[in-house]
Amino acid sequence: MSEPVRDEHSGVETTGHEWDGIRELDNPLPRWWLWVWYGSIAAAIVYWVLMPAWPGLRGYTPGLLKQSDRADVVEQLADLQAQRGRGEALLMSASLEQIEADPDLQAHALAVGQSVFGDNCASCHGVGGGGAKGYPNLRDDVWLWGGSLAEIEQTIRVGVRSAHPEARTSQMPAFGRDGMLNDGQASDLTEYVVALSGREADAAAVDRARQLYADNCAACHAPNGAGVRELGAPNLTDREWLYGADRESIRGQIHNGRNGVMPTWEGRFSPAVIKALAVYVHVNAGGGEVSGASEAAAP
């Protein structure tokens, strides 16, 4: 066996490894590092004994403490379900009006409603319910199907043009696409709708469109354009529009007859959750009187 080689500068033995003239010194490991390493080994052995650790053919070693994260999760979920059950029982035992009048019940309903809204409704209506083009604003007092607690609950339950047999249903014809009106008539009717909302419009076009409106639109939107809530026909005399207030957007609605769909949530949510969601929407909208018969929608 060859004699160990010492580094001439430090006096430390080398390992015999050398790269490009650089020799590796055989310095001992720091004592504190060794004790940490030994302690880690001891801690690992204790953990293997006390806790689930080693996999086997049909499971794993349970350890002396019998700790199971899976069992903990099951227990926590059972506790959460029990808490939700108590909350749902309270909501089901009270009317919508009683829920809003009781601070504790309202707080519970708002917490549930906010969570459900964020998971299921915000993708269309926005995180705060402010809506977007094609999706109604739920923060104002403009409602097509009614903004009372009961009406909001009904809309959530059955949806709009959904598969539910009691769904809120109205139909805006595609006057241009289906050939019921030509381009000139659609343009004149656009000016008429602009005039209904109190804005400046082409007077000659408005005059030409009076009979067009009476023949094709008045039955749903009313002769004065104020809408008919029972038919789900929006108010055309305000400044609230679902698909846009500019002439191009209004003309596009007359031509294509967009008819949005809101899903039915009955069957997906329990009656108590639907109640909570109705209270959440109603409170965030101000919970006041409902004005007009519009849903921020074009004709």
Protein backbone atom coordinates (compact mmCIF):
# COMPACT_ATOMS: atom_id res chain seq x y z
CA MET A 1 0.00 0.00 0.00
CA SER A 2 1.44 3.37 -1.00
CA GLU A 3 2.18 6.02 1.59
CA PRO A 4 -0.48 8.78 1.82
CA VAL A 5 0.46 11.97 0.07
CA ARG A 6 0.26 15.19 2.04
CA ASP A 7 -0.47 18.57 0.58
CA GLU A 8 2.67 20.65 0.85
CA HIS A 9 0.78 23.86 1.65
CA SER A 10 -1.82 22.67 4.21
CA GLY A 11 -0.21 19.48 5.44
CA VAL A 12 -3.50 17.62 5.00
CA GLU A 13 -3.48 14.17 3.43
CA THR A 14 -5.00 13.91 -0.04
CA THR A 15 -7.52 11.35 -1.24
CA GLY A 16 -5.44 10.44 -4.23
CA HIS A 17 -7.85 12.11 -6.62
CA GLU A 18 -6.39 14.72 -8.91
CA TRP A 19 -7.90 16.81 -11.72
CA ASP A 20 -5.87 19.14 -13.88
CA GLY A 21 -3.17 19.27 -11.26
CA ILE A 22 -5.60 19.96 -8.43
CA ARG A 23 -5.52 17.42 -5.62
CA GLU A 24 -8.52 16.68 -3.38
CA LEU A 25 -7.81 17.11 0.32
CA ASP A 26 -9.06 14.47 2.75
CA ASN A 27 -10.42 16.96 5.33
CA PRO A 28 -12.61 15.40 8.05
CA LEU A 29 -16.31 16.38 8.13
CA PRO A 30 -17.23 19.06 10.70
CA ARG A 31 -18.26 17.50 13.99
CA TRP A 32 -21.52 19.47 14.11
CA TRP A 33 -22.45 18.17 10.64
CA LEU A 34 -21.80 14.57 11.72
CA TRP A 35 -24.00 14.94 14.81
CA VAL A 36 -26.83 16.39 12.70
CA TRP A 37 -26.49 13.49 10.29
CA TYR A 38 -26.53 10.90 13.10
CA GLY A 39 -29.52 12.66 14.69
CA SER A 40 -31.42 12.59 11.37
CA ILE A 41 -30.83 8.86 11.09
CA ALA A 42 -32.11 8.33 14.63
CA ALA A 43 -35.19 10.50 13.98
CA ALA A 44 -35.95 8.56 10.81
CA ILE A 45 -35.79 5.25 12.70
CA VAL A 46 -38.15 6.58 15.40
CA TYR A 47 -40.53 7.84 12.69
CA TRP A 48 -40.53 4.43 10.95
CA VAL A 49 -41.51 2.81 14.24
CA LEU A 50 -44.23 5.29 15.27
CA MET A 51 -45.78 6.35 11.96
CA PRO A 52 -46.96 4.63 8.74
CA ALA A 53 -43.85 4.23 6.68
CA TRP A 54 -42.97 1.02 4.84
CA PRO A 55 -45.07 -0.16 1.88
CA GLY A 56 -46.03 -3.78 1.62
CA LEU A 57 -47.87 -6.07 -0.76
CA ARG A 58 -51.28 -5.34 0.80
CA GLY A 59 -50.76 -1.98 2.43
CA TYR A 60 -48.16 -0.40 4.65
CA THR A 61 -46.84 -0.63 8.18
CA PRO A 62 -49.33 1.32 10.36
CA GLY A 63 -46.84 2.36 13.05
CA LEU A 64 -47.35 2.26 16.81
CA LEU A 65 -49.42 5.52 16.78
CA LYS A 66 -51.83 4.21 14.10
CA GLN A 67 -51.88 7.68 12.52
CA SER A 68 -53.94 7.93 9.31
CA ASP A 69 -54.38 11.17 7.31
CA ARG A 70 -57.11 9.45 5.32
CA ALA A 71 -59.10 8.73 8.49
CA ASP A 72 -58.57 12.34 9.62
CA VAL A 73 -59.96 13.67 6.33
CA VAL A 74 -63.00 11.39 6.56
CA GLU A 75 -63.66 12.63 10.10
CA GLN A 76 -63.23 16.28 9.10
CA LEU A 77 -65.58 15.87 6.13
CA ALA A 78 -68.17 14.24 8.41
CA ASP A 79 -67.92 17.18 10.81
CA LEU A 80 -68.24 19.65 7.95
CA GLN A 81 -71.27 17.82 6.59
CA ALA A 82 -72.88 17.90 10.02
CA GLN A 83 -72.30 21.65 10.27
CA ARG A 84 -73.73 22.19 6.79
CA GLY A 85 -76.71 20.04 7.69
CA ARG A 86 -77.47 22.21 10.69
CA GLY A 87 -77.13 25.34 8.56
CA GLU A 88 -79.36 23.95 5.82
CA ALA A 89 -81.98 22.98 8.40
CA LEU A 90 -82.05 26.57 9.66
CA LEU A 91 -82.39 27.94 6.12
CA MET A 92 -85.15 25.49 5.23
CA SER A 93 -87.13 26.33 8.38
CA ALA A 94 -87.27 30.05 7.53
CA SER A 95 -88.79 31.99 4.65
CA LEU A 96 -86.60 34.12 2.40
CA GLU A 97 -87.86 37.26 4.10
CA GLN A 98 -87.14 35.82 7.55
CA ILE A 99 -83.61 34.92 6.47
CA GLU A 100 -82.90 38.49 5.38
CA ALA A 101 -84.47 39.91 8.56
CA ASP A 102 -82.41 37.72 10.91
CA PRO A 103 -78.78 38.95 11.09
CA ASP A 104 -77.36 35.52 11.96
CA LEU A 105 -79.36 33.67 9.31
CA GLN A 106 -78.54 36.31 6.73
CA ALA A 107 -74.83 36.11 7.53
CA HIS A 108 -74.93 32.34 7.10
CA ALA A 109 -76.88 32.62 3.83
CA LEU A 110 -74.47 35.24 2.49
CA ALA A 111 -71.46 33.06 3.32
CA VAL A 112 -72.99 30.06 1.56
CA GLY A 113 -74.23 32.18 -1.34
CA GLN A 114 -70.88 33.85 -1.88
CA SER A 115 -69.08 30.50 -2.03
CA VAL A 116 -71.64 28.98 -4.43
CA PHE A 117 -71.73 32.12 -6.60
CA GLY A 118 -67.96 32.21 -6.89
CA ASP A 119 -67.78 28.56 -7.94
CA ASN A 120 -70.74 28.46 -10.31
CA CYS A 121 -71.98 31.91 -11.36
CA ALA A 122 -68.98 34.26 -11.44
CA SER A 123 -67.64 32.79 -14.68
CA CYS A 124 -70.60 34.41 -16.50
CA HIS A 125 -71.83 37.20 -14.22
CA GLY A 126 -68.41 38.29 -12.97
CA VAL A 127 -66.82 37.90 -9.55
CA GLY A 128 -68.86 40.78 -8.13
CA GLY A 129 -71.97 40.05 -10.19
CA GLY A 130 -71.37 43.09 -12.40
CA GLY A 131 -72.07 41.14 -15.57
CA ALA A 132 -70.57 41.62 -19.03
CA LYS A 133 -71.76 41.86 -22.61
CA GLY A 134 -74.27 39.04 -22.97
CA TYR A 135 -74.45 38.40 -19.21
CA PRO A 136 -76.83 40.43 -17.00
CA ASN A 137 -75.59 42.74 -14.26
CA LEU A 138 -76.84 41.41 -10.92
CA ARG A 139 -75.77 44.47 -8.92
CA ASP A 140 -78.37 46.94 -10.23
CA ASP A 141 -82.15 47.14 -9.89
CA VAL A 142 -82.93 46.19 -13.50
CA TRP A 143 -84.50 42.75 -13.84
CA LEU A 144 -86.21 40.99 -16.72
CA TRP A 145 -87.91 38.26 -14.70
CA GLY A 146 -88.32 40.23 -11.48
CA GLY A 147 -85.98 41.18 -8.68
CA SER A 148 -87.93 40.14 -5.60
CA LEU A 149 -86.54 37.38 -3.41
CA ALA A 150 -89.12 34.88 -4.65
CA GLU A 151 -88.57 35.82 -8.31
CA ILE A 152 -84.80 35.54 -8.02
CA GLU A 153 -85.12 32.17 -6.31
CA GLN A 154 -87.44 30.96 -9.09
CA THR A 155 -85.03 32.07 -11.80
CA ILE A 156 -82.12 30.32 -10.10
CA ARG A 157 -84.18 27.18 -9.63
CA VAL A 158 -85.58 26.77 -13.15
CA GLY A 159 -83.13 28.79 -15.27
CA VAL A 160 -83.79 30.71 -18.47
CA ARG A 161 -84.43 28.75 -21.68
CA SER A 162 -82.98 25.74 -19.91
CA ALA A 163 -84.04 22.11 -19.97
CA HIS A 164 -86.27 22.60 -16.91
CA PRO A 165 -89.98 22.18 -17.75
CA GLU A 166 -90.78 25.40 -15.84
CA ALA A 167 -87.87 27.40 -17.25
CA ARG A 168 -88.25 31.11 -17.84
CA THR A 169 -88.81 31.29 -21.57
CA SER A 170 -89.03 34.10 -24.10
CA GLN A 171 -88.08 34.20 -27.75
CA MET A 172 -86.50 37.08 -29.65
CA PRO A 173 -86.97 36.32 -33.37
CA ALA A 174 -84.06 36.66 -35.79
CA PHE A 175 -85.86 39.16 -38.00
CA GLY A 176 -83.00 39.64 -40.43
CA ARG A 177 -81.46 36.19 -40.51
CA ASP A 178 -84.82 34.51 -41.07
CA GLY A 179 -85.90 37.00 -43.75
CA MET A 180 -88.75 38.67 -41.85
CA LEU A 181 -87.19 42.11 -42.35
CA ASN A 182 -84.83 43.36 -45.04
CA ASP A 183 -81.68 45.35 -44.31
CA GLY A 184 -83.38 48.72 -44.75
CA GLN A 185 -86.21 47.81 -42.39
CA ALA A 186 -83.74 46.52 -39.78
CA SER A 187 -81.84 49.81 -39.99
CA ASP A 188 -85.03 51.84 -39.58
CA LEU A 189 -86.11 49.73 -36.63
CA THR A 190 -82.69 50.25 -35.07
CA GLU A 191 -83.25 54.01 -35.21
CA TYR A 192 -86.68 53.55 -33.67
CA VAL A 193 -85.24 51.62 -30.72
CA VAL A 194 -82.52 54.25 -30.29
CA ALA A 195 -85.26 56.88 -30.13
CA LEU A 196 -87.21 54.83 -27.58
CA SER A 197 -84.23 55.03 -25.21
CA GLY A 198 -84.28 58.83 -25.38
CA ARG A 199 -81.35 59.33 -27.72
CA GLU A 200 -81.10 61.30 -30.93
CA ALA A 201 -82.15 59.26 -33.96
CA ASP A 202 -82.89 59.70 -37.67
CA ALA A 203 -86.42 61.18 -37.65
CA ALA A 204 -87.30 59.89 -41.11
CA ALA A 205 -86.20 56.36 -40.21
CA VAL A 206 -88.17 56.52 -36.95
CA ASP A 207 -91.32 57.50 -38.86
CA ARG A 208 -90.84 54.66 -41.35
CA ALA A 209 -90.35 52.16 -38.51
CA ARG A 210 -93.45 53.04 -36.48
CA GLN A 211 -95.62 50.49 -38.24
CA LEU A 212 -92.79 47.94 -38.30
CA TYR A 213 -92.51 48.21 -34.55
CA ALA A 214 -96.28 47.98 -34.09
CA ASP A 215 -96.50 44.90 -36.32
CA ASN A 216 -93.43 43.01 -35.07
CA CYS A 217 -92.34 44.24 -31.63
CA ALA A 218 -95.18 45.88 -29.71
CA ALA A 219 -96.84 42.59 -28.76
CA CYS A 220 -93.87 41.72 -26.54
CA HIS A 221 -92.15 45.02 -25.78
CA ALA A 222 -95.44 46.96 -25.38
CA PRO A 223 -96.53 49.85 -27.65
CA ASN A 224 -94.46 52.32 -25.62
CA GLY A 225 -91.42 50.01 -25.46
CA ALA A 226 -91.55 49.59 -21.67
CA GLY A 227 -91.52 45.80 -21.94
CA VAL A 228 -93.81 43.10 -20.57
CA ARG A 229 -92.37 41.22 -17.62
CA GLU A 230 -94.85 38.35 -17.94
CA LEU A 231 -93.44 37.65 -21.40
CA GLY A 232 -89.82 38.20 -20.45
CA ALA A 233 -89.63 41.12 -22.89
CA PRO A 234 -87.09 43.79 -21.83
CA ASN A 235 -87.71 47.48 -21.42
CA LEU A 236 -86.40 49.41 -24.44
CA THR A 237 -86.89 52.88 -22.96
CA ASP A 238 -84.04 52.81 -20.43
CA ARG A 239 -80.28 52.95 -20.92
CA GLU A 240 -79.57 49.38 -19.87
CA TRP A 241 -78.52 46.94 -22.58
CA LEU A 242 -77.34 43.35 -22.40
CA TYR A 243 -75.79 43.06 -25.87
CA GLY A 244 -74.65 46.67 -26.25
CA ALA A 245 -76.28 50.09 -26.70
CA ASP A 246 -74.58 51.21 -29.90
CA ARG A 247 -76.44 50.99 -33.21
CA GLU A 248 -74.36 48.11 -34.51
CA SER A 249 -75.14 46.01 -31.43
CA ILE A 250 -78.86 46.82 -31.52
CA ARG A 251 -79.05 46.05 -35.23
CA GLY A 252 -77.20 42.79 -34.64
CA GLN A 253 -79.77 41.79 -32.01
CA ILE A 254 -82.64 42.59 -34.41
CA HIS A 255 -80.94 40.62 -37.17
CA ASN A 256 -79.78 37.56 -35.17
CA GLY A 257 -82.20 37.48 -32.23
CA ARG A 258 -79.77 36.35 -29.55
CA ASN A 259 -81.43 34.29 -26.82
CA GLY A 260 -79.10 33.56 -23.93
CA VAL A 261 -79.41 30.49 -21.73
CA MET A 262 -79.10 30.28 -17.97
CA PRO A 263 -78.91 26.72 -16.63
CA THR A 264 -81.34 25.33 -14.12
CA TRP A 265 -79.70 24.79 -10.76
CA GLU A 266 -82.45 22.61 -9.35
CA GLY A 267 -81.02 19.15 -8.88
CA ARG A 268 -77.48 20.49 -8.63
CA PHE A 269 -78.10 22.61 -5.54
CA SER A 270 -80.24 21.73 -2.56
CA PRO A 271 -83.29 23.94 -1.88
CA ALA A 272 -81.43 25.49 1.05
CA VAL A 273 -78.45 26.42 -1.13
CA ILE A 274 -80.77 27.95 -3.74
CA LYS A 275 -82.34 30.00 -0.94
CA ALA A 276 -78.92 31.17 0.21
CA LEU A 277 -77.93 32.09 -3.34
CA ALA A 278 -81.17 34.05 -3.85
CA VAL A 279 -80.51 36.01 -0.65
CA TYR A 280 -76.91 36.68 -1.73
CA VAL A 281 -77.97 38.03 -5.13
CA HIS A 282 -80.85 40.06 -3.65
CA VAL A 283 -78.70 41.66 -0.93
CA ASN A 284 -75.86 42.46 -3.33
CA ALA A 285 -78.33 44.10 -5.70
CA GLY A 286 -79.41 46.42 -2.90
CA GLY A 287 -82.46 44.45 -1.82
CA GLY A 288 -84.65 47.38 -2.81
CA GLU A 289 -87.62 47.92 -5.06
CA VAL A 290 -87.37 46.66 -8.61
CA SER A 291 -87.66 49.23 -11.37
CA GLY A 292 -88.70 48.62 -14.94
CA ALA A 293 -89.01 45.34 -16.73
CA SER A 294 -85.59 45.23 -18.28
CA GLU A 295 -82.76 42.77 -17.90
CA ALA A 296 -80.16 45.13 -19.30
CA ALA A 297 -81.07 43.61 -22.63
CA ALA A 298 -81.52 44.79 -26.17
CA PRO A 299 -84.88 44.25 -27.94
